[in-house]
Amino acid sequence: MSIEKKIYALRRELAARYQLGEERHNLCGRKISVTCVEDAEALFDKLVCADPDSLDVRDERVPYWATLWDSARVLAEVLLSDRVLTPGEPVLELGCGLGLVSAIACLKRARVTATDYQPDALKFTQLNGLQIAGIAPAVTRLDWRTPPQNRRYPTLLGADLVYEPRFFDPLIAAFDALLMPEGRILFSEPNRILGKPFFDRLSNAGWAFTPMTEREDATVYEIRRREK
């Protein structure tokens, strides 16, 4: 199937469930258009505010993925502007959301696997990968609480994942399960007060982190296991 036909099929499938919109950004001088949910706030209100005790809310099946967060945009700019990815390098993105970061990694010719807990996030990620890079990343559903133990990567990517304290420990455990011993994590966080205890816990668990890019809207860190 041609790229155009794949894009058409994905847009048609997603448009049956969501009103689609487009966000346009200038990243490092390159015009990038990301297909998204037209009104993510209304979607959030519909799913969450209507029934805050529902299984979707308790199990974190809330549509955080439907918004293009600043952290994803900043990490995408770092990947686009710096030579931080090697062509052919296996890369895993955690919590891919709409897929901008994975699409840029594909554009840099990395071998990308995008993961999210939400199946529709993976559909948007495939769509945006095709539209931005001409390549749909491999996608797989992943729950941080039960990461696979049979595959490790030299590079993990993550943008705006530190939003629920109860997921700090599972996320750090997922880092350990999914990253090669000498690997690195490129991690973007929007400078929230909530982030400080996460980084404290990360340090206590034996990880070191170094800012790569510090901006008002987000900081991109390189995270590695601390040398013993």
Protein backbone atom coordinates (compact mmCIF):
# COMPACT_ATOMS: atom_id res chain seq x y z
CA MET A 1 0.00 0.00 0.00
CA SER A 2 1.33 3.46 -0.88
CA ILE A 3 2.09 6.07 1.80
CA GLU A 4 -0.82 8.17 0.56
CA LYS A 5 -3.24 5.26 0.91
CA LYS A 6 -1.94 4.43 4.40
CA ILE A 7 -2.40 8.07 5.46
CA TYR A 8 -5.91 8.13 4.02
CA ALA A 9 -6.88 4.90 5.80
CA LEU A 10 -5.54 6.09 9.18
CA ARG A 11 -7.18 9.51 8.89
CA ARG A 12 -10.48 7.89 7.95
CA GLU A 13 -10.30 5.48 10.88
CA LEU A 14 -9.44 8.23 13.41
CA ALA A 15 -11.95 10.71 11.98
CA ALA A 16 -14.69 8.18 12.72
CA ARG A 17 -13.93 8.60 16.45
CA TYR A 18 -12.49 12.11 16.78
CA GLN A 19 -12.77 15.51 15.21
CA LEU A 20 -9.29 15.93 13.77
CA GLY A 21 -7.28 19.12 13.88
CA GLU A 22 -3.78 20.24 12.85
CA GLU A 23 -1.07 21.93 14.87
CA ARG A 24 1.61 23.67 12.83
CA HIS A 25 5.03 24.40 14.28
CA ASN A 26 8.33 25.72 13.03
CA LEU A 27 11.00 23.39 14.39
CA CYS A 28 14.57 24.43 13.61
CA GLY A 29 13.40 26.21 10.47
CA ARG A 30 11.34 23.24 9.29
CA LYS A 31 7.56 23.53 9.06
CA ILE A 32 5.96 20.56 10.81
CA SER A 33 2.25 19.76 10.88
CA VAL A 34 0.89 17.37 13.53
CA THR A 35 -2.55 15.82 13.28
CA CYS A 36 -4.26 15.92 16.66
CA VAL A 37 -7.67 15.92 18.33
CA GLU A 38 -9.37 19.22 17.52
CA ASP A 39 -10.56 19.89 21.07
CA ALA A 40 -8.59 17.74 23.51
CA GLU A 41 -9.97 19.63 26.51
CA ALA A 42 -13.55 18.78 25.53
CA LEU A 43 -12.52 15.14 25.08
CA PHE A 44 -10.94 15.15 28.52
CA ASP A 45 -14.07 16.67 30.08
CA LYS A 46 -16.26 14.12 28.33
CA LEU A 47 -14.26 11.12 29.54
CA VAL A 48 -13.09 12.31 32.95
CA CYS A 49 -15.32 15.00 34.40
CA ALA A 50 -18.47 13.10 33.51
CA ASP A 51 -17.46 10.16 35.70
CA PRO A 52 -14.31 10.74 37.80
CA ASP A 53 -14.69 7.29 39.42
CA SER A 54 -14.81 5.39 36.14
CA LEU A 55 -12.38 2.60 35.29
CA ASP A 56 -10.83 4.77 32.57
CA VAL A 57 -9.88 7.42 35.13
CA ARG A 58 -8.74 5.00 37.83
CA ASP A 59 -6.65 3.04 35.32
CA GLU A 60 -5.15 6.18 33.74
CA ARG A 61 -6.97 5.72 30.44
CA VAL A 62 -7.45 9.47 30.22
CA PRO A 63 -6.62 11.35 27.02
CA TYR A 64 -3.36 13.07 28.01
CA TRP A 65 -2.06 11.69 24.71
CA ALA A 66 -4.45 13.85 22.67
CA THR A 67 -2.49 17.07 23.36
CA LEU A 68 0.85 18.02 21.85
CA TRP A 69 2.76 19.02 25.00
CA ASP A 70 5.59 21.58 24.99
CA SER A 71 8.00 18.92 26.26
CA ALA A 72 7.46 16.84 23.12
CA ARG A 73 8.09 19.83 20.90
CA VAL A 74 11.31 20.76 22.74
CA LEU A 75 12.62 17.18 22.62
CA ALA A 76 11.74 17.00 18.92
CA GLU A 77 13.78 20.17 18.32
CA VAL A 78 16.78 18.66 20.10
CA LEU A 79 16.56 15.51 17.97
CA LEU A 80 16.17 17.57 14.82
CA SER A 81 18.96 20.05 15.49
CA ASP A 82 21.62 17.96 17.24
CA ARG A 83 23.41 14.82 16.11
CA VAL A 84 22.14 12.80 19.01
CA LEU A 85 20.72 9.88 17.00
CA THR A 86 22.69 7.64 14.67
CA PRO A 87 21.03 6.38 11.46
CA GLY A 88 19.86 2.84 12.06
CA GLU A 89 20.05 3.16 15.85
CA PRO A 90 17.26 1.24 17.65
CA VAL A 91 15.18 3.71 19.68
CA LEU A 92 12.15 3.20 21.93
CA GLU A 93 9.81 6.04 22.85
CA LEU A 94 7.79 5.74 26.05
CA GLY A 95 4.39 7.44 26.11
CA CYS A 96 4.49 8.56 22.49
CA GLY A 97 1.15 10.40 22.53
CA LEU A 98 0.58 11.99 19.13
CA GLY A 99 3.95 10.79 17.93
CA LEU A 100 5.89 13.97 17.13
CA VAL A 101 9.07 12.77 18.86
CA SER A 102 8.95 9.37 17.18
CA ALA A 103 8.29 11.01 13.79
CA ILE A 104 11.36 13.23 14.16
CA ALA A 105 13.44 10.22 15.23
CA CYS A 106 12.25 8.47 12.05
CA LEU A 107 13.19 11.57 10.08
CA LYS A 108 16.71 11.21 11.51
CA ARG A 109 16.67 7.61 10.22
CA ALA A 110 16.64 5.87 13.59
CA ARG A 111 14.81 2.52 13.85
CA VAL A 112 11.94 3.63 16.04
CA THR A 113 9.50 1.69 18.17
CA ALA A 114 6.80 3.92 19.65
CA THR A 115 4.87 2.82 22.73
CA ASP A 116 1.86 4.07 24.62
CA TYR A 117 -0.82 2.68 26.90
CA GLN A 118 -3.55 4.01 24.60
CA PRO A 119 -4.22 2.20 21.30
CA ASP A 120 -5.50 5.36 19.58
CA ALA A 121 -2.30 7.21 20.51
CA LEU A 122 -0.45 4.56 18.50
CA LYS A 123 -2.72 5.22 15.51
CA PHE A 124 -2.01 8.96 15.66
CA THR A 125 1.70 8.18 15.97
CA GLN A 126 1.65 6.05 12.83
CA LEU A 127 -0.27 8.76 10.99
CA ASN A 128 2.07 11.57 12.04
CA GLY A 129 5.12 9.45 11.29
CA LEU A 130 3.90 8.90 7.74
CA GLN A 131 2.97 12.57 7.26
CA ILE A 132 6.16 14.02 8.74
CA ALA A 133 8.84 11.47 7.89
CA GLY A 134 7.23 9.25 5.26
CA ILE A 135 7.75 6.34 7.68
CA ALA A 136 5.39 4.84 10.23
CA PRO A 137 7.35 3.77 13.31
CA ALA A 138 6.76 0.32 14.70
CA VAL A 139 4.18 0.63 17.48
CA THR A 140 3.31 -1.49 20.48
CA ARG A 141 1.10 -1.03 23.51
CA LEU A 142 3.14 -0.79 26.70
CA ASP A 143 2.19 -0.55 30.35
CA TRP A 144 5.10 0.82 32.44
CA ARG A 145 3.91 -1.31 35.33
CA THR A 146 4.64 -4.52 33.40
CA PRO A 147 7.47 -3.76 30.92
CA PRO A 148 8.75 -6.59 28.72
CA GLN A 149 11.95 -8.23 29.92
CA ASN A 150 13.22 -9.65 26.62
CA ARG A 151 14.25 -6.57 24.62
CA ARG A 152 16.56 -3.66 25.50
CA TYR A 153 17.46 -0.53 23.59
CA PRO A 154 20.51 1.75 23.48
CA THR A 155 18.28 4.83 23.55
CA LEU A 156 14.94 5.56 25.19
CA LEU A 157 12.95 8.73 24.50
CA GLY A 158 10.36 10.27 26.81
CA ALA A 159 8.51 13.60 26.92
CA ASP A 160 6.29 14.82 29.78
CA LEU A 161 5.98 11.48 31.54
CA VAL A 162 6.29 12.78 35.13
CA TYR A 163 2.71 13.82 35.86
CA GLU A 164 1.50 11.23 38.42
CA PRO A 165 3.59 10.48 41.55
CA ARG A 166 2.20 6.95 41.74
CA PHE A 167 3.92 6.17 38.43
CA PHE A 168 7.39 7.41 39.42
CA ASP A 169 8.64 4.01 40.62
CA PRO A 170 7.08 2.02 37.73
CA LEU A 171 8.63 4.44 35.23
CA ILE A 172 12.08 4.11 36.80
CA ALA A 173 11.67 0.32 36.82
CA ALA A 174 10.72 0.49 33.12
CA PHE A 175 13.92 2.44 32.45
CA ASP A 176 15.89 -0.36 34.07
CA ALA A 177 14.06 -3.10 32.18
CA LEU A 178 14.18 -1.50 28.74
CA LEU A 179 17.57 0.24 28.60
CA MET A 180 20.83 -1.46 27.70
CA PRO A 181 23.49 -1.32 30.45
CA GLU A 182 25.45 1.49 28.75
CA GLY A 183 22.40 3.13 27.19
CA ARG A 184 20.97 6.60 27.63
CA ILE A 185 17.54 8.19 27.98
CA LEU A 186 16.68 11.50 26.32
CA PHE A 187 13.99 12.84 28.62
CA SER A 188 12.06 16.10 28.38
CA GLU A 189 10.25 17.54 31.41
CA PRO A 190 8.34 20.86 31.64
CA ASN A 191 10.02 22.14 34.80
CA ARG A 192 7.10 21.30 37.04
CA ILE A 193 7.48 21.37 40.81
CA LEU A 194 6.15 17.80 40.65
CA GLY A 195 9.26 16.80 38.74
CA LYS A 196 11.73 17.45 41.59
CA PRO A 197 10.75 14.43 43.74
CA PHE A 198 10.90 12.27 40.62
CA PHE A 199 14.48 13.28 39.94
CA ASP A 200 15.33 12.82 43.62
CA ARG A 201 13.94 9.29 43.43
CA LEU A 202 15.75 8.70 40.14
CA SER A 203 19.05 9.69 41.75
CA ASN A 204 18.43 7.48 44.77
CA ALA A 205 17.80 4.56 42.39
CA GLY A 206 21.30 4.90 40.91
CA TRP A 207 20.69 7.11 37.89
CA ALA A 208 22.54 10.27 36.86
CA PHE A 209 20.93 13.03 34.80
CA THR A 210 22.49 15.96 32.97
CA PRO A 211 20.59 18.86 31.32
CA MET A 212 21.17 19.02 27.57
CA THR A 213 18.86 21.94 26.81
CA GLU A 214 17.28 24.21 29.42
CA ARG A 215 14.36 26.34 28.32
CA GLU A 216 11.50 28.08 30.05
CA ASP A 217 8.94 25.62 28.70
CA ALA A 218 10.95 22.40 29.16
CA THR A 219 14.34 20.93 29.98
CA VAL A 220 15.81 18.00 28.07
CA TYR A 221 17.99 15.67 30.16
CA GLU A 222 20.34 12.84 29.28
CA ILE A 223 19.84 10.09 31.86
CA ARG A 224 22.27 7.22 32.39
CA ARG A 225 22.97 4.62 35.02
CA ARG A 226 25.47 6.01 37.50
CA GLU A 227 28.92 4.50 37.25
CA LYS A 228 29.68 2.22 40.18
